[in-house]
N, C-alpha and C. Protein backbone atom coordinates (compact mmCIF):
# COMPACT_ATOMS: atom_id res chain seq x y z
N MET A 1 -3.18 -14.23 15.58
CA MET A 1 -2.91 -12.87 15.96
C MET A 1 -4.23 -12.12 15.92
N THR A 2 -4.50 -11.31 16.90
CA THR A 2 -5.69 -10.48 16.95
C THR A 2 -5.28 -9.03 17.19
N ILE A 3 -5.84 -8.14 16.39
CA ILE A 3 -5.61 -6.71 16.57
C ILE A 3 -6.95 -6.15 17.03
N THR A 4 -6.99 -5.50 18.17
CA THR A 4 -8.24 -4.99 18.71
C THR A 4 -8.22 -3.47 18.76
N TYR A 5 -9.27 -2.85 18.26
CA TYR A 5 -9.42 -1.41 18.35
C TYR A 5 -9.96 -1.09 19.73
N VAL A 6 -9.28 -0.26 20.48
CA VAL A 6 -9.69 0.04 21.84
C VAL A 6 -10.42 1.38 21.90
N ASN A 7 -9.82 2.45 21.45
CA ASN A 7 -10.48 3.76 21.43
C ASN A 7 -9.76 4.66 20.44
N LYS A 8 -10.22 5.90 20.30
CA LYS A 8 -9.65 6.78 19.29
C LYS A 8 -8.24 7.26 19.61
N THR A 9 -7.71 6.96 20.80
CA THR A 9 -6.35 7.38 21.11
C THR A 9 -5.34 6.34 20.64
N THR A 10 -5.80 5.17 20.25
CA THR A 10 -4.90 4.14 19.74
C THR A 10 -4.91 4.20 18.22
N PRO A 11 -3.87 3.70 17.57
CA PRO A 11 -3.85 3.69 16.10
C PRO A 11 -5.04 2.87 15.57
N ASP A 12 -5.56 3.29 14.44
CA ASP A 12 -6.69 2.61 13.82
C ASP A 12 -6.19 1.31 13.20
N PRO A 13 -6.68 0.15 13.66
CA PRO A 13 -6.20 -1.12 13.12
C PRO A 13 -6.57 -1.31 11.66
N MET A 14 -7.63 -0.65 11.20
CA MET A 14 -8.02 -0.79 9.81
C MET A 14 -7.00 -0.11 8.89
N ASP A 15 -6.47 1.04 9.31
CA ASP A 15 -5.43 1.70 8.53
C ASP A 15 -4.20 0.81 8.45
N GLU A 16 -3.85 0.21 9.58
CA GLU A 16 -2.70 -0.69 9.62
C GLU A 16 -2.95 -1.92 8.75
N TRP A 17 -4.16 -2.50 8.85
CA TRP A 17 -4.51 -3.67 8.04
C TRP A 17 -4.43 -3.34 6.56
N GLU A 18 -4.99 -2.19 6.16
CA GLU A 18 -4.95 -1.78 4.75
C GLU A 18 -3.51 -1.59 4.27
N ALA A 19 -2.69 -0.95 5.08
CA ALA A 19 -1.30 -0.70 4.69
C ALA A 19 -0.52 -2.01 4.58
N THR A 20 -0.81 -2.97 5.44
CA THR A 20 -0.09 -4.24 5.44
C THR A 20 -0.52 -5.14 4.29
N TRP A 21 -1.83 -5.31 4.11
CA TRP A 21 -2.35 -6.32 3.18
C TRP A 21 -2.77 -5.75 1.83
N ARG A 22 -2.96 -4.45 1.71
CA ARG A 22 -3.27 -3.75 0.45
C ARG A 22 -4.48 -4.36 -0.28
N PRO A 23 -5.69 -4.09 0.21
CA PRO A 23 -6.88 -4.64 -0.43
C PRO A 23 -7.15 -4.00 -1.80
N TYR A 24 -7.70 -4.82 -2.69
CA TYR A 24 -8.10 -4.36 -4.02
C TYR A 24 -9.38 -3.54 -3.91
N LEU A 25 -9.55 -2.59 -4.80
CA LEU A 25 -10.81 -1.88 -4.92
C LEU A 25 -11.80 -2.80 -5.64
N ASN A 26 -13.04 -2.69 -5.25
CA ASN A 26 -14.10 -3.45 -5.89
C ASN A 26 -14.45 -2.75 -7.21
N PRO A 27 -14.24 -3.41 -8.36
CA PRO A 27 -14.51 -2.75 -9.64
C PRO A 27 -15.99 -2.46 -9.87
N TRP A 28 -16.87 -3.08 -9.10
CA TRP A 28 -18.30 -2.82 -9.23
C TRP A 28 -18.72 -1.54 -8.51
N ARG A 29 -17.91 -1.07 -7.56
CA ARG A 29 -18.24 0.15 -6.83
C ARG A 29 -17.00 0.86 -6.29
N PRO A 30 -16.12 1.29 -7.16
CA PRO A 30 -14.85 1.87 -6.71
C PRO A 30 -14.94 3.27 -6.12
N LYS A 31 -16.04 3.98 -6.32
CA LYS A 31 -16.10 5.37 -5.89
C LYS A 31 -16.84 5.60 -4.59
N ILE A 32 -17.26 4.53 -3.92
CA ILE A 32 -17.94 4.72 -2.65
C ILE A 32 -17.02 4.35 -1.51
N ALA A 33 -17.34 4.79 -0.31
CA ALA A 33 -16.46 4.61 0.85
C ALA A 33 -16.08 3.16 1.08
N GLU A 34 -17.03 2.26 0.92
CA GLU A 34 -16.72 0.86 1.15
C GLU A 34 -16.29 0.16 -0.13
N GLY A 35 -15.54 0.86 -0.97
CA GLY A 35 -15.11 0.34 -2.26
C GLY A 35 -14.15 -0.83 -2.22
N ILE A 36 -13.79 -1.31 -1.04
CA ILE A 36 -12.92 -2.50 -0.98
C ILE A 36 -13.70 -3.73 -0.54
N HIS A 37 -15.00 -3.57 -0.24
CA HIS A 37 -15.85 -4.71 0.14
C HIS A 37 -16.35 -5.41 -1.12
N PHE A 38 -16.49 -6.72 -1.04
CA PHE A 38 -17.12 -7.51 -2.10
C PHE A 38 -18.31 -8.23 -1.50
N ASP A 39 -19.45 -8.19 -2.18
CA ASP A 39 -20.66 -8.84 -1.68
C ASP A 39 -20.52 -10.36 -1.64
N GLY A 40 -21.34 -10.99 -0.83
CA GLY A 40 -21.34 -12.44 -0.67
C GLY A 40 -22.35 -13.13 -1.58
N TRP A 41 -22.71 -12.50 -2.70
CA TRP A 41 -23.64 -13.11 -3.64
C TRP A 41 -23.36 -12.54 -5.04
N GLY A 42 -23.89 -13.18 -6.04
CA GLY A 42 -23.79 -12.69 -7.41
C GLY A 42 -22.39 -12.65 -7.96
N GLU A 43 -22.19 -11.74 -8.93
CA GLU A 43 -20.91 -11.63 -9.63
C GLU A 43 -19.75 -11.37 -8.68
N GLU A 44 -19.97 -10.50 -7.71
CA GLU A 44 -18.89 -10.16 -6.78
C GLU A 44 -18.44 -11.39 -5.99
N HIS A 45 -19.40 -12.19 -5.55
CA HIS A 45 -19.08 -13.40 -4.78
C HIS A 45 -18.32 -14.39 -5.65
N HIS A 46 -18.75 -14.57 -6.89
CA HIS A 46 -18.03 -15.48 -7.79
C HIS A 46 -16.60 -14.97 -8.04
N PHE A 47 -16.44 -13.66 -8.14
CA PHE A 47 -15.13 -13.06 -8.33
C PHE A 47 -14.22 -13.36 -7.14
N VAL A 48 -14.73 -13.21 -5.92
CA VAL A 48 -13.96 -13.49 -4.71
C VAL A 48 -13.47 -14.93 -4.72
N LYS A 49 -14.32 -15.84 -5.10
CA LYS A 49 -13.98 -17.27 -5.05
C LYS A 49 -12.94 -17.68 -6.09
N THR A 50 -12.62 -16.81 -7.05
CA THR A 50 -11.59 -17.14 -8.04
C THR A 50 -10.18 -16.84 -7.54
N PHE A 51 -10.06 -16.13 -6.42
CA PHE A 51 -8.74 -15.75 -5.91
C PHE A 51 -8.13 -16.82 -5.02
N ASN A 52 -6.82 -16.71 -4.88
CA ASN A 52 -6.09 -17.58 -3.96
C ASN A 52 -6.67 -17.39 -2.56
N PRO A 53 -6.99 -18.48 -1.85
CA PRO A 53 -7.57 -18.35 -0.51
C PRO A 53 -6.73 -17.53 0.46
N ARG A 54 -5.42 -17.44 0.23
CA ARG A 54 -4.55 -16.65 1.11
C ARG A 54 -4.67 -15.15 0.86
N GLN A 55 -5.48 -14.76 -0.14
CA GLN A 55 -5.72 -13.35 -0.43
C GLN A 55 -7.12 -12.91 0.00
N VAL A 56 -7.93 -13.83 0.51
CA VAL A 56 -9.32 -13.54 0.84
C VAL A 56 -9.48 -13.37 2.34
N TRP A 57 -10.29 -12.39 2.73
CA TRP A 57 -10.62 -12.08 4.12
C TRP A 57 -12.12 -11.92 4.21
N THR A 58 -12.71 -12.20 5.37
CA THR A 58 -14.15 -12.12 5.55
C THR A 58 -14.50 -11.14 6.66
N LEU A 59 -15.46 -10.25 6.37
CA LEU A 59 -16.02 -9.37 7.40
C LEU A 59 -17.18 -10.12 8.03
N VAL A 60 -17.09 -10.40 9.33
CA VAL A 60 -18.12 -11.20 10.00
C VAL A 60 -18.77 -10.41 11.13
N SER A 61 -20.03 -10.73 11.39
CA SER A 61 -20.74 -10.17 12.54
C SER A 61 -20.34 -10.95 13.77
N VAL A 62 -20.13 -10.23 14.89
CA VAL A 62 -19.76 -10.86 16.15
C VAL A 62 -20.72 -10.36 17.21
N GLY A 63 -21.51 -11.24 17.77
CA GLY A 63 -22.46 -10.83 18.80
C GLY A 63 -23.50 -9.89 18.23
N ASP A 64 -24.02 -9.01 19.08
CA ASP A 64 -25.07 -8.10 18.67
C ASP A 64 -24.56 -6.88 17.91
N HIS A 65 -23.38 -6.40 18.23
CA HIS A 65 -22.94 -5.13 17.65
C HIS A 65 -21.56 -5.16 17.03
N GLY A 66 -20.77 -6.15 17.31
CA GLY A 66 -19.38 -6.14 16.85
C GLY A 66 -19.21 -6.72 15.46
N ILE A 67 -18.09 -6.37 14.85
CA ILE A 67 -17.68 -6.96 13.59
C ILE A 67 -16.19 -7.25 13.67
N SER A 68 -15.75 -8.19 12.87
CA SER A 68 -14.34 -8.55 12.79
C SER A 68 -13.99 -8.86 11.35
N ILE A 69 -12.74 -8.65 11.01
CA ILE A 69 -12.21 -9.13 9.74
C ILE A 69 -11.37 -10.35 10.08
N VAL A 70 -11.69 -11.46 9.43
CA VAL A 70 -11.03 -12.73 9.72
C VAL A 70 -10.33 -13.21 8.45
N SER A 71 -9.11 -13.71 8.60
CA SER A 71 -8.39 -14.22 7.44
C SER A 71 -9.12 -15.44 6.89
N GLY A 72 -9.16 -15.53 5.58
CA GLY A 72 -9.77 -16.68 4.91
C GLY A 72 -11.21 -16.42 4.47
N TYR A 73 -11.74 -17.40 3.76
CA TYR A 73 -13.12 -17.35 3.26
C TYR A 73 -14.02 -18.08 4.24
N HIS A 74 -15.01 -17.40 4.78
CA HIS A 74 -15.94 -17.98 5.74
C HIS A 74 -17.36 -17.63 5.30
N THR A 75 -18.30 -18.49 5.63
CA THR A 75 -19.69 -18.20 5.29
C THR A 75 -20.53 -17.90 6.53
N LYS A 76 -20.17 -18.47 7.67
CA LYS A 76 -20.95 -18.23 8.89
C LYS A 76 -20.78 -16.78 9.34
N ASN A 77 -21.89 -16.07 9.50
CA ASN A 77 -21.93 -14.67 9.94
C ASN A 77 -21.21 -13.71 8.98
N ALA A 78 -20.96 -14.14 7.75
CA ALA A 78 -20.25 -13.30 6.78
C ALA A 78 -21.13 -12.15 6.32
N ARG A 79 -20.54 -10.95 6.29
CA ARG A 79 -21.24 -9.76 5.79
C ARG A 79 -20.71 -9.37 4.42
N SER A 80 -19.41 -9.51 4.22
CA SER A 80 -18.80 -9.21 2.92
C SER A 80 -17.37 -9.76 2.94
N TYR A 81 -16.67 -9.54 1.84
CA TYR A 81 -15.32 -10.09 1.69
C TYR A 81 -14.36 -9.02 1.21
N PHE A 82 -13.07 -9.28 1.42
CA PHE A 82 -11.99 -8.43 0.92
C PHE A 82 -11.03 -9.33 0.16
N ILE A 83 -10.39 -8.78 -0.85
CA ILE A 83 -9.33 -9.47 -1.58
C ILE A 83 -8.10 -8.58 -1.46
N THR A 84 -6.99 -9.17 -1.05
CA THR A 84 -5.78 -8.37 -0.85
C THR A 84 -4.70 -8.70 -1.88
N LYS A 85 -3.88 -7.69 -2.18
CA LYS A 85 -2.78 -7.88 -3.11
C LYS A 85 -1.70 -8.76 -2.48
N LYS A 86 -1.49 -8.58 -1.19
CA LYS A 86 -0.48 -9.36 -0.48
C LYS A 86 -1.12 -10.63 0.06
N LYS A 87 -0.47 -11.75 -0.18
CA LYS A 87 -0.97 -13.04 0.32
C LYS A 87 -0.48 -13.26 1.75
N ARG A 88 -1.33 -13.92 2.54
CA ARG A 88 -0.88 -14.35 3.86
C ARG A 88 0.17 -15.43 3.66
N PRO A 89 1.16 -15.53 4.56
CA PRO A 89 2.20 -16.55 4.40
C PRO A 89 1.62 -17.95 4.48
N LYS A 90 2.26 -18.86 3.77
CA LYS A 90 1.86 -20.26 3.85
C LYS A 90 2.22 -20.78 5.23
N PRO A 91 1.35 -21.63 5.80
CA PRO A 91 1.71 -22.22 7.10
C PRO A 91 2.89 -23.17 6.93
N LYS A 92 3.60 -23.36 8.02
CA LYS A 92 4.72 -24.30 7.99
C LYS A 92 4.19 -25.72 7.78
N LYS A 93 5.02 -26.56 7.29
CA LYS A 93 4.64 -27.94 6.98
C LYS A 93 4.01 -28.61 8.21
N ASN A 94 2.90 -29.27 7.99
CA ASN A 94 2.15 -30.01 9.02
C ASN A 94 1.57 -29.12 10.12
N GLN A 95 1.41 -27.83 9.84
CA GLN A 95 0.79 -26.93 10.81
C GLN A 95 -0.36 -26.19 10.14
N PRO A 96 -1.47 -26.03 10.84
CA PRO A 96 -2.59 -25.27 10.25
C PRO A 96 -2.24 -23.79 10.20
N GLU A 97 -2.93 -23.07 9.31
CA GLU A 97 -2.73 -21.63 9.22
C GLU A 97 -3.25 -20.97 10.49
N ALA A 98 -2.45 -20.10 11.09
CA ALA A 98 -2.88 -19.35 12.27
C ALA A 98 -3.79 -18.23 11.79
N PRO A 99 -5.04 -18.19 12.24
CA PRO A 99 -5.94 -17.14 11.76
C PRO A 99 -5.51 -15.75 12.24
N ILE A 100 -5.78 -14.76 11.42
CA ILE A 100 -5.54 -13.37 11.77
C ILE A 100 -6.91 -12.73 11.88
N THR A 101 -7.18 -12.07 13.00
CA THR A 101 -8.48 -11.45 13.22
C THR A 101 -8.29 -10.00 13.67
N ILE A 102 -9.03 -9.11 13.04
CA ILE A 102 -9.05 -7.72 13.46
C ILE A 102 -10.42 -7.49 14.06
N GLU A 103 -10.50 -7.30 15.37
CA GLU A 103 -11.78 -7.11 16.05
C GLU A 103 -12.12 -5.62 16.06
N ILE A 104 -13.34 -5.31 15.68
CA ILE A 104 -13.80 -3.93 15.64
C ILE A 104 -14.84 -3.76 16.74
N THR A 105 -14.56 -2.94 17.72
CA THR A 105 -15.47 -2.77 18.85
C THR A 105 -16.64 -1.89 18.45
N PRO A 106 -17.76 -1.98 19.16
CA PRO A 106 -18.95 -1.19 18.80
C PRO A 106 -18.72 0.32 18.80
N ASP A 107 -17.74 0.83 19.55
CA ASP A 107 -17.52 2.28 19.58
C ASP A 107 -16.57 2.76 18.47
N TYR A 108 -16.20 1.88 17.57
CA TYR A 108 -15.32 2.23 16.46
C TYR A 108 -15.97 3.27 15.56
N LYS A 109 -15.24 4.31 15.19
CA LYS A 109 -15.77 5.39 14.36
C LYS A 109 -14.98 5.54 13.07
N GLY A 110 -14.28 4.52 12.66
CA GLY A 110 -13.45 4.60 11.46
C GLY A 110 -14.22 4.31 10.18
N TRP A 111 -13.50 3.95 9.12
CA TRP A 111 -14.10 3.82 7.80
C TRP A 111 -15.09 2.66 7.70
N LEU A 112 -15.07 1.70 8.62
CA LEU A 112 -16.01 0.59 8.54
C LEU A 112 -17.36 0.91 9.18
N SER A 113 -17.46 2.02 9.93
CA SER A 113 -18.70 2.29 10.63
C SER A 113 -19.77 2.82 9.71
């Protein structure tokens, strides 16, 4: 499933993503705007890796200007991570997990910009 932000007249997919998956606040920086991001190094990175993989999401760079949030833990093009209270559903037996991606276009002006 992919949710794409088109313009400011459409609902903000980040608001919908937050409401659906309920990300944890980062205890290392809870009072700043990006307080739900976890760094990909140091204590924060070790903290992310202790969680159930179905609760971890990765903010990745896409091309020259785009970013996406992708379900799961990824290292390629990773900028930071999210940990959510709600787990993604387990895949059905003998089927791989269908990735969930929220694509953020370069003209996005929401909380991730």
